[in-house]
């Protein structure tokens, strides 16, 4: 995380220095997302087919090698540096599409899926580390870039990748027996008897979903492919497994839809609404926007500390309440922008309310993500996790484009009201599904 954040910061500064155009860098970032969306499903299949630790070590080592080559070549390609930066972003994005499902699938494999509290604590700690590793390079990046330049920062990023690969060698993580698990005796799955004592039966793992009888299980059971099978056939077969598994479990699909919807609304408001409101609607300078962004980053870090402390008390039944809380936070923003108050009063109201939205969203994520892990078996974790990530990834730019159009045509107050109402409706629809998880607290 530290290396990635520092590398992207250095490249953004360099591109802006050379071109003076934010549009150029925005275009590069947009193009770099395409390989992630396209390759994410393939990365999910690979994550379920190979040893995940080996995969992580190999991908980080390859990433470090690519950045090292780019660093060495940077000085000899002055006429093509924009192109080389674009190729570097696209290549790292493709590698990330392969690694992200692997990392996500490794957490429940390491910790097991029985203890949801343990999974929520792990998710909270992961979010906390990610927040820290994004804040430090962002605050120090400007000084480092001015002091040592982009090539030295890229060299430091190379070291980060190789150190990460070395540390990952110490992770103890076995290979998932993909086909044996899926093609196991159907009677064992339906009766709860297991050849692997550490693994739940398929029906036992879905207390909140529709039970899987023999006919549903047969939908995602394929014969074991031989080594002669073409890679494409294996990929399509595994994709059919994941798709049939999702169809057999509507609860999981509901959670995916909720995740994508939240990403649509909240990413649109944060990435488009925040700079538009501060810079355009309230007419503050870049310095004030920078201070506000720093405040929200620090608050986000403090949020992760709070969610880590309260992880043991969070359950699915409480998720609608966290979404209702997010919806309610948009009310004071709408009121402030509807009244004839000073722009400073509007700014303070927006920052405070949006920090509370961030806190509520963090609680929602801590509740939802481990629930995904408990519902998906190890042999499908990479594929379905990749599908969930791709759905959220696609929802983000859609939300950004939608809110961009809205802010160009409407005032701030009605947009905030509409966002809050949509979130409240979503929480209301979600409530019956979350009640199916009452067993969590009883088990605790």
Protein backbone atom coordinates (compact mmCIF):
# COMPACT_ATOMS: atom_id res chain seq x y z
CA UNK A 1 0.00 0.00 0.00
CA UNK A 2 2.79 2.42 0.89
CA UNK A 3 4.66 1.71 -2.35
CA UNK A 4 1.56 1.90 -4.52
CA UNK A 5 0.38 5.18 -3.00
CA UNK A 6 3.84 6.75 -3.26
CA UNK A 7 4.24 5.61 -6.88
CA UNK A 8 0.87 6.99 -8.00
CA UNK A 9 1.51 10.27 -6.16
CA UNK A 10 4.92 10.66 -7.81
CA UNK A 11 3.51 9.92 -11.26
CA UNK A 12 0.65 12.38 -10.79
CA UNK A 13 3.07 15.14 -9.79
CA UNK A 14 5.37 14.37 -12.72
CA UNK A 15 2.56 14.31 -15.31
CA UNK A 16 1.12 17.59 -14.00
CA UNK A 17 4.59 19.19 -14.05
CA UNK A 18 5.28 18.08 -17.62
CA UNK A 19 1.84 18.72 -19.16
CA UNK A 20 0.09 21.12 -16.78
CA UNK A 21 -3.08 19.16 -17.54
CA UNK A 22 -5.18 17.33 -14.98
CA UNK A 23 -7.16 15.90 -17.90
CA UNK A 24 -4.14 13.96 -19.15
CA UNK A 25 -3.59 12.27 -15.82
CA UNK A 26 -7.31 11.64 -15.33
CA UNK A 27 -7.35 9.97 -18.75
CA UNK A 28 -4.37 7.80 -17.79
CA UNK A 29 -6.10 6.71 -14.58
CA UNK A 30 -9.32 5.93 -16.43
CA UNK A 31 -7.49 3.84 -19.03
CA UNK A 32 -5.60 1.97 -16.29
CA UNK A 33 -8.88 0.82 -14.70
CA UNK A 34 -9.94 -1.09 -17.84
CA UNK A 35 -7.49 -4.02 -17.39
CA UNK A 36 -8.61 -4.36 -13.77
CA UNK A 37 -12.26 -4.78 -14.76
CA UNK A 38 -11.48 -7.11 -17.67
CA UNK A 39 -8.94 -9.31 -15.88
CA UNK A 40 -10.56 -9.46 -12.43
CA UNK A 41 -12.67 -12.57 -13.27
CA UNK A 42 -9.59 -14.36 -14.60
CA UNK A 43 -7.70 -13.36 -11.46
CA UNK A 44 -10.48 -14.90 -9.37
CA UNK A 45 -10.18 -18.21 -11.24
CA UNK A 46 -6.40 -18.25 -10.79
CA UNK A 47 -6.77 -17.44 -7.08
CA UNK A 48 -8.82 -20.61 -6.62
CA UNK A 49 -6.53 -22.80 -8.73
CA UNK A 50 -3.05 -22.14 -7.31
CA UNK A 51 -1.40 -21.70 -3.95
CA UNK A 52 -2.39 -18.18 -2.95
CA UNK A 53 0.82 -17.42 -1.08
CA UNK A 54 2.88 -18.39 -4.13
CA UNK A 55 0.64 -16.21 -6.27
CA UNK A 56 1.09 -13.16 -4.03
CA UNK A 57 4.88 -13.59 -3.84
CA UNK A 58 5.19 -13.99 -7.60
CA UNK A 59 2.96 -11.02 -8.47
CA UNK A 60 4.70 -8.64 -6.05
CA UNK A 61 8.10 -9.77 -7.30
CA UNK A 62 6.98 -9.19 -10.90
CA UNK A 63 5.56 -5.78 -9.97
CA UNK A 64 8.86 -4.82 -8.33
CA UNK A 65 10.80 -5.96 -11.40
CA UNK A 66 8.55 -3.95 -13.74
CA UNK A 67 8.92 -0.77 -11.67
CA UNK A 68 12.70 -1.35 -11.51
CA UNK A 69 12.90 -1.67 -15.30
CA UNK A 70 10.74 1.44 -15.71
CA UNK A 71 13.00 3.35 -13.29
CA UNK A 72 16.13 2.39 -15.21
CA UNK A 73 14.51 3.17 -18.56
CA UNK A 74 13.01 6.47 -17.42
CA UNK A 75 16.15 8.47 -18.09
CA UNK A 76 16.53 7.08 -21.62
CA UNK A 77 12.98 7.69 -22.85
CA UNK A 78 12.45 11.41 -22.36
CA UNK A 79 10.53 11.70 -25.64
CA UNK A 80 8.13 8.95 -24.65
CA UNK A 81 7.77 9.34 -20.91
CA UNK A 82 3.99 9.95 -20.95
CA UNK A 83 3.56 6.75 -22.96
CA UNK A 84 5.86 4.85 -20.60
CA UNK A 85 3.93 6.11 -17.56
CA UNK A 86 0.67 4.99 -19.20
CA UNK A 87 2.10 1.54 -19.94
CA UNK A 88 3.40 1.26 -16.38
CA UNK A 89 -0.02 2.15 -14.93
CA UNK A 90 -1.81 -0.31 -17.22
CA UNK A 91 0.65 -3.13 -16.45
CA UNK A 92 0.45 -2.61 -12.68
CA UNK A 93 -3.34 -2.42 -12.94
CA UNK A 94 -3.39 -5.78 -14.75
CA UNK A 95 -1.19 -7.36 -12.07
CA UNK A 96 -3.41 -5.87 -9.35
CA UNK A 97 -6.45 -7.47 -11.03
CA UNK A 98 -4.75 -10.83 -10.50
CA UNK A 99 -3.55 -10.15 -6.96
CA UNK A 100 -6.59 -8.48 -5.38
CA UNK A 101 -8.84 -11.59 -5.52
CA UNK A 102 -5.92 -13.66 -4.19
CA UNK A 103 -5.37 -11.40 -1.18
CA UNK A 104 -9.10 -11.17 -0.40
CA UNK A 105 -9.52 -14.94 -0.61
CA UNK A 106 -6.52 -15.56 1.66
CA UNK A 107 -7.99 -13.87 4.73
CA UNK A 108 -10.86 -16.32 5.38
CA UNK A 109 -8.61 -19.22 4.39
CA UNK A 110 -6.14 -18.21 7.10
CA UNK A 111 -8.66 -17.41 9.81
CA UNK A 112 -11.56 -19.73 8.97
CA UNK A 113 -15.13 -18.63 8.45
CA UNK A 114 -16.80 -19.74 11.67
CA UNK A 115 -15.95 -16.75 13.85
CA UNK A 116 -17.51 -13.66 12.25
CA UNK A 117 -16.20 -11.45 15.06
CA UNK A 118 -12.63 -12.54 14.28
CA UNK A 119 -13.20 -11.80 10.59
CA UNK A 120 -14.61 -8.36 11.40
CA UNK A 121 -11.61 -7.55 13.57
CA UNK A 122 -9.32 -8.65 10.75
CA UNK A 123 -11.23 -6.48 8.27
CA UNK A 124 -11.08 -3.50 10.65
CA UNK A 125 -7.32 -3.89 11.14
CA UNK A 126 -6.83 -4.21 7.37
CA UNK A 127 -8.80 -0.98 6.81
CA UNK A 128 -6.78 0.72 9.53
CA UNK A 129 -3.45 -0.25 7.95
CA UNK A 130 -4.68 0.81 4.50
CA UNK A 131 -5.70 4.23 5.86
CA UNK A 132 -2.30 4.77 7.48
CA UNK A 133 -0.40 3.62 4.42
CA UNK A 134 -2.33 6.04 2.22
CA UNK A 135 -2.09 9.05 4.54
CA UNK A 136 1.67 8.93 5.19
CA UNK A 137 2.81 8.93 1.52
CA UNK A 138 0.23 11.58 0.63
CA UNK A 139 1.43 13.98 3.34
CA UNK A 140 5.13 13.23 2.77
CA UNK A 141 4.92 12.79 -0.99
CA UNK A 142 5.13 16.46 -1.89
CA UNK A 143 8.31 17.01 0.09
CA UNK A 144 9.87 13.77 -1.15
CA UNK A 145 9.06 14.55 -4.77
CA UNK A 146 10.63 18.02 -4.53
CA UNK A 147 13.61 16.65 -2.61
CA UNK A 148 14.55 13.44 -4.38
CA UNK A 149 12.58 13.41 -7.67
CA UNK A 150 10.41 10.81 -9.37
CA UNK A 151 13.17 8.31 -10.22
CA UNK A 152 14.28 7.96 -6.61
CA UNK A 153 10.66 7.60 -5.48
CA UNK A 154 10.16 4.88 -8.09
CA UNK A 155 13.29 3.13 -6.79
CA UNK A 156 11.85 3.29 -3.27
CA UNK A 157 8.61 1.78 -4.61
CA UNK A 158 10.63 -1.06 -6.12
CA UNK A 159 12.10 -1.78 -2.70
CA UNK A 160 8.60 -1.79 -1.19
CA UNK A 161 7.40 -4.42 -3.70
CA UNK A 162 10.40 -6.70 -3.15
CA UNK A 163 10.21 -6.39 0.65
CA UNK A 164 6.51 -7.25 0.45
CA UNK A 165 7.26 -10.35 -1.65
CA UNK A 166 9.92 -11.41 0.87
CA UNK A 167 7.57 -11.01 3.85
CA UNK A 168 4.83 -12.96 2.06
CA UNK A 169 7.15 -15.97 1.89
CA UNK A 170 6.55 -16.45 5.62
CA UNK A 171 2.75 -16.70 5.26
CA UNK A 172 1.48 -20.22 5.94
CA UNK A 173 -1.24 -20.90 3.42
CA UNK A 174 -2.11 -24.26 1.85
CA UNK A 175 -3.48 -24.97 -1.60
CA UNK A 176 -7.26 -25.09 -1.90
CA UNK A 177 -8.48 -28.45 -3.21
CA UNK A 178 -10.85 -26.90 -5.70
CA UNK A 179 -12.29 -29.84 -7.59
CA UNK A 180 -12.33 -32.26 -4.71
CA UNK A 181 -14.39 -29.80 -2.68
CA UNK A 182 -16.90 -29.07 -5.45
CA UNK A 183 -17.18 -32.63 -6.72
CA UNK A 184 -17.48 -34.19 -3.30
CA UNK A 185 -20.25 -36.61 -2.45
CA UNK A 186 -23.57 -34.74 -2.67
CA UNK A 187 -24.98 -36.76 0.19
CA UNK A 188 -22.13 -35.62 2.42
CA UNK A 189 -22.84 -32.00 1.53
CA UNK A 190 -26.56 -32.23 2.10
CA UNK A 191 -26.26 -34.20 5.33
CA UNK A 192 -23.49 -32.07 6.78
CA UNK A 193 -20.91 -34.90 6.90
CA UNK A 194 -17.54 -33.78 5.68
CA UNK A 195 -14.38 -35.43 4.46
CA UNK A 196 -12.58 -32.28 5.56
CA UNK A 197 -13.42 -31.63 9.23
CA UNK A 198 -12.34 -28.00 9.02
CA UNK A 199 -14.90 -27.19 6.34
CA UNK A 200 -18.62 -26.57 6.77
CA UNK A 201 -21.19 -28.26 4.58
CA UNK A 202 -22.60 -26.22 1.71
CA UNK A 203 -26.04 -25.99 3.29
CA UNK A 204 -24.72 -25.13 6.74
CA UNK A 205 -22.79 -22.16 5.41
CA UNK A 206 -25.91 -20.42 4.10
CA UNK A 207 -28.25 -19.95 7.08
CA UNK A 208 -29.53 -16.68 5.63
CA UNK A 209 -29.90 -17.93 2.10
CA UNK A 210 -32.07 -20.37 0.24
CA UNK A 211 -30.94 -23.90 1.07
CA UNK A 212 -29.08 -25.81 -1.61
CA UNK A 213 -30.65 -29.15 -2.44
CA UNK A 214 -29.21 -31.77 -4.78
CA UNK A 215 -30.66 -30.17 -7.89
CA UNK A 216 -29.09 -26.81 -7.04
CA UNK A 217 -25.75 -28.39 -6.18
CA UNK A 218 -25.67 -30.20 -9.50
CA UNK A 219 -25.88 -26.87 -11.31
CA UNK A 220 -22.36 -25.89 -10.32
CA UNK A 221 -20.72 -29.33 -10.32
CA UNK A 222 -18.47 -30.05 -13.25
CA UNK A 223 -16.37 -33.07 -14.03
CA UNK A 224 -12.73 -32.69 -13.09
CA UNK A 225 -10.90 -31.23 -16.06
CA UNK A 226 -7.80 -33.02 -17.27
CA UNK A 227 -4.49 -31.40 -18.13
CA UNK A 228 -5.53 -31.52 -21.79
CA UNK A 229 -8.34 -29.04 -21.23
CA UNK A 230 -7.79 -25.68 -22.83
CA UNK A 231 -7.28 -22.77 -20.44
CA UNK A 232 -10.36 -21.06 -21.84
CA UNK A 233 -12.51 -24.12 -21.14
CA UNK A 234 -11.27 -24.23 -17.56
CA UNK A 235 -11.96 -20.54 -17.15
CA UNK A 236 -15.48 -20.87 -18.54
CA UNK A 237 -16.20 -23.92 -16.41
CA UNK A 238 -15.05 -22.16 -13.25
CA UNK A 239 -17.04 -19.07 -14.17
CA UNK A 240 -20.16 -21.22 -14.61
CA UNK A 241 -19.52 -22.70 -11.15
CA UNK A 242 -19.45 -19.25 -9.61
CA UNK A 243 -22.49 -18.02 -11.57
CA UNK A 244 -24.57 -21.06 -10.60
CA UNK A 245 -23.51 -20.68 -6.98
CA UNK A 246 -24.66 -17.07 -6.99
CA UNK A 247 -27.99 -18.01 -8.58
CA UNK A 248 -28.53 -20.65 -5.92
CA UNK A 249 -27.99 -18.11 -3.14
CA UNK A 250 -30.07 -14.95 -3.54
CA UNK A 251 -28.84 -13.59 -0.20
CA UNK A 252 -25.34 -13.29 -1.61
CA UNK A 253 -26.66 -11.52 -4.70
CA UNK A 254 -28.57 -9.09 -2.48
CA UNK A 255 -25.36 -8.26 -0.62
CA UNK A 256 -23.51 -7.71 -3.91
CA UNK A 257 -26.27 -5.35 -5.07
CA UNK A 258 -26.10 -3.44 -1.77
CA UNK A 259 -22.31 -3.09 -2.04
CA UNK A 260 -22.49 -1.82 -5.61
CA UNK A 261 -25.32 0.62 -4.77
CA UNK A 262 -23.44 2.07 -1.79
CA UNK A 263 -20.34 2.49 -3.95
CA UNK A 264 -22.45 4.21 -6.61
CA UNK A 265 -23.90 6.83 -4.24
CA UNK A 266 -21.07 7.40 -1.78
CA UNK A 267 -18.24 7.36 -4.31
CA UNK A 268 -20.17 9.80 -6.49
CA UNK A 269 -20.69 12.19 -3.59
CA UNK A 270 -17.12 11.95 -2.26
CA UNK A 271 -15.10 12.05 -5.49
CA UNK A 272 -17.31 14.46 -7.45
CA UNK A 273 -19.47 16.21 -4.87
CA UNK A 274 -16.72 17.07 -2.38
CA UNK A 275 -14.42 18.99 -4.78
CA UNK A 276 -17.40 20.54 -6.60
CA UNK A 277 -19.05 21.78 -3.41
CA UNK A 278 -15.86 23.20 -1.88
CA UNK A 279 -14.22 24.61 -5.01
CA UNK A 280 -17.16 25.57 -7.25
CA UNK A 281 -20.33 25.93 -5.17
CA UNK A 282 -18.60 27.62 -2.20
CA UNK A 283 -15.76 29.16 -4.23
CA UNK A 284 -12.91 28.22 -1.86
CA UNK A 285 -9.33 27.93 -3.07
CA UNK A 286 -7.22 24.82 -3.50
CA UNK A 287 -5.56 25.41 -0.14
CA UNK A 288 -8.87 25.19 1.75
CA UNK A 289 -9.81 22.10 -0.24
CA UNK A 290 -6.46 20.53 0.69
CA UNK A 291 -7.02 21.25 4.39
CA UNK A 292 -10.53 19.76 4.22
CA UNK A 293 -9.26 16.67 2.43
CA UNK A 294 -6.56 16.23 5.07
CA UNK A 295 -9.11 16.55 7.88
CA UNK A 296 -11.35 13.91 6.28
CA UNK A 297 -8.36 11.58 5.82
CA UNK A 298 -7.41 11.87 9.49
CA UNK A 299 -11.03 11.34 10.55
CA UNK A 300 -11.15 8.25 8.33
CA UNK A 301 -8.12 6.88 10.17
CA UNK A 302 -9.75 7.56 13.55
CA UNK A 303 -12.88 5.81 12.25
CA UNK A 304 -10.90 2.63 11.63
CA UNK A 305 -9.63 2.71 15.24
CA UNK A 306 -13.22 2.95 16.49
CA UNK A 307 -14.50 0.19 14.22
CA UNK A 308 -11.63 -2.06 15.31
CA UNK A 309 -12.55 -1.52 18.97
CA UNK A 310 -16.25 -2.22 18.35
CA UNK A 311 -15.87 -5.08 15.84
CA UNK A 312 -17.02 -7.69 18.39
CA UNK A 313 -20.35 -5.88 18.81
CA UNK A 314 -21.21 -5.55 15.12
CA UNK A 315 -23.64 -7.96 13.43
CA UNK A 316 -25.57 -8.13 10.17
CA UNK A 317 -28.80 -7.22 11.94
CA UNK A 318 -27.32 -3.76 12.58
CA UNK A 319 -26.29 -3.02 8.97
CA UNK A 320 -29.55 -1.25 7.98
CA UNK A 321 -29.04 1.08 10.97
CA UNK A 322 -25.59 2.09 9.73
CA UNK A 323 -27.05 2.88 6.28
CA UNK A 324 -29.92 4.84 7.86
CA UNK A 325 -27.28 6.81 9.78
CA UNK A 326 -25.46 7.63 6.52
CA UNK A 327 -28.76 8.74 4.96
CA UNK A 328 -29.57 10.97 7.92
CA UNK A 329 -26.21 12.75 7.69
CA UNK A 330 -27.15 14.23 4.32
CA UNK A 331 -30.07 16.14 5.91
CA UNK A 332 -27.97 18.87 7.62
CA UNK A 333 -26.01 19.43 4.39
CA UNK A 334 -29.26 19.93 2.47
CA UNK A 335 -30.59 22.32 5.15
CA UNK A 336 -27.37 24.37 5.25
CA UNK A 337 -27.32 24.82 1.47
CA UNK A 338 -31.03 25.65 1.36
CA UNK A 339 -30.71 28.46 3.94
CA UNK A 340 -29.06 31.86 3.38
CA UNK A 341 -26.10 31.22 5.71
CA UNK A 342 -22.44 32.07 5.16
CA UNK A 343 -20.27 29.86 2.99
CA UNK A 344 -18.07 29.06 6.00
CA UNK A 345 -21.10 27.73 7.86
CA UNK A 346 -21.97 25.60 4.84
CA UNK A 347 -18.38 24.33 4.61
CA UNK A 348 -18.21 23.34 8.29
CA UNK A 349 -21.61 21.64 8.08
CA UNK A 350 -20.54 19.70 4.99
CA UNK A 351 -17.22 18.56 6.47
CA UNK A 352 -18.73 17.46 9.81
CA UNK A 353 -21.66 15.68 8.16
CA UNK A 354 -19.48 13.96 5.60
CA UNK A 355 -17.07 12.75 8.30
CA UNK A 356 -20.09 11.14 9.99
CA UNK A 357 -21.07 9.59 6.64
CA UNK A 358 -17.56 8.13 6.42
CA UNK A 359 -17.87 6.69 9.94
CA UNK A 360 -21.24 5.09 9.15
CA UNK A 361 -19.88 3.67 5.89
CA UNK A 362 -16.87 2.18 7.70
CA UNK A 363 -19.24 0.39 10.08
CA UNK A 364 -21.23 -0.90 7.10
CA UNK A 365 -18.09 -2.25 5.44
CA UNK A 366 -16.88 -3.93 8.61
CA UNK A 367 -20.23 -5.70 8.90
CA UNK A 368 -20.71 -6.65 5.24
CA UNK A 369 -17.25 -7.80 4.11
CA UNK A 370 -16.79 -10.63 6.66
CA UNK A 371 -20.34 -11.77 5.90
CA UNK A 372 -19.31 -12.31 2.29
CA UNK A 373 -16.43 -14.44 3.58
CA UNK A 374 -18.70 -16.64 5.68
CA UNK A 375 -21.08 -17.31 2.78
CA UNK A 376 -18.49 -18.32 0.17
CA UNK A 377 -16.54 -21.60 0.33
CA UNK A 378 -12.75 -21.52 -0.09
CA UNK A 379 -12.81 -23.11 -3.53
CA UNK A 380 -15.04 -20.31 -4.89
CA UNK A 381 -13.73 -17.41 -2.81
CA UNK A 382 -11.43 -15.98 -5.49
CA UNK A 383 -13.95 -16.13 -8.33
CA UNK A 384 -16.92 -14.73 -6.42
CA UNK A 385 -14.74 -12.19 -4.62
CA UNK A 386 -13.52 -10.99 -8.03
CA UNK A 387 -17.12 -10.66 -9.21
CA UNK A 388 -18.01 -8.58 -6.13
CA UNK A 389 -14.97 -6.34 -6.62
CA UNK A 390 -15.72 -5.89 -10.33
CA UNK A 391 -19.34 -4.96 -9.56
CA UNK A 392 -18.20 -2.33 -7.05
CA UNK A 393 -15.50 -1.09 -9.40
CA UNK A 394 -18.00 -0.61 -12.22
CA UNK A 395 -20.45 1.17 -9.90
CA UNK A 396 -17.88 3.82 -8.91
CA UNK A 397 -17.39 5.49 -12.34
CA UNK A 398 -21.14 5.23 -13.01
CA UNK A 399 -21.77 7.11 -9.77
CA UNK A 400 -19.14 9.70 -10.66
CA UNK A 401 -20.67 10.35 -14.08
CA UNK A 402 -24.21 10.49 -12.66
CA UNK A 403 -23.31 12.95 -9.92
CA UNK A 404 -21.30 15.01 -12.39
CA UNK A 405 -24.43 15.45 -14.49
CA UNK A 406 -26.56 16.15 -11.41
CA UNK A 407 -24.26 18.85 -10.03
CA UNK A 408 -24.19 20.54 -13.45
CA UNK A 409 -28.00 20.75 -13.53
CA UNK A 410 -29.26 20.92 -9.94
CA UNK A 411 -28.51 22.78 -6.73
CA UNK A 412 -26.64 21.06 -3.92
CA UNK A 413 -29.63 20.81 -1.53
CA UNK A 414 -31.93 18.63 -3.72
CA UNK A 415 -29.01 16.33 -4.62
CA UNK A 416 -28.24 15.77 -0.94
CA UNK A 417 -31.93 15.13 -0.19
CA UNK A 418 -32.17 12.65 -3.06
CA UNK A 419 -29.05 10.81 -1.95
CA UNK A 420 -30.31 10.49 1.62
CA UNK A 421 -33.74 9.27 0.47
CA UNK A 422 -32.19 6.64 -1.84
CA UNK A 423 -29.96 5.34 0.96
CA UNK A 424 -32.91 5.19 3.37
CA UNK A 425 -34.98 3.24 0.84
CA UNK A 426 -32.08 0.84 0.35
CA UNK A 427 -31.79 0.29 4.11
CA UNK A 428 -35.53 -0.37 4.35
CA UNK A 429 -35.37 -2.96 1.55
CA UNK A 430 -32.30 -4.55 3.14
CA UNK A 431 -33.84 -5.01 6.61
CA UNK A 432 -35.70 -8.33 6.00
CA UNK A 433 -32.56 -9.94 4.56
CA UNK A 434 -30.40 -8.83 7.50
CA UNK A 435 -32.88 -10.33 9.98
CA UNK A 436 -32.08 -13.77 8.56
CA UNK A 437 -28.67 -13.51 10.20
CA UNK A 438 -30.02 -13.53 13.76
CA UNK A 439 -28.04 -16.72 14.36
CA UNK A 440 -24.80 -14.67 14.53
CA UNK A 441 -25.61 -13.11 17.90
CA UNK A 442 -27.08 -16.35 19.23
CA UNK A 443 -23.87 -18.19 18.33
CA UNK A 444 -21.81 -15.46 19.94
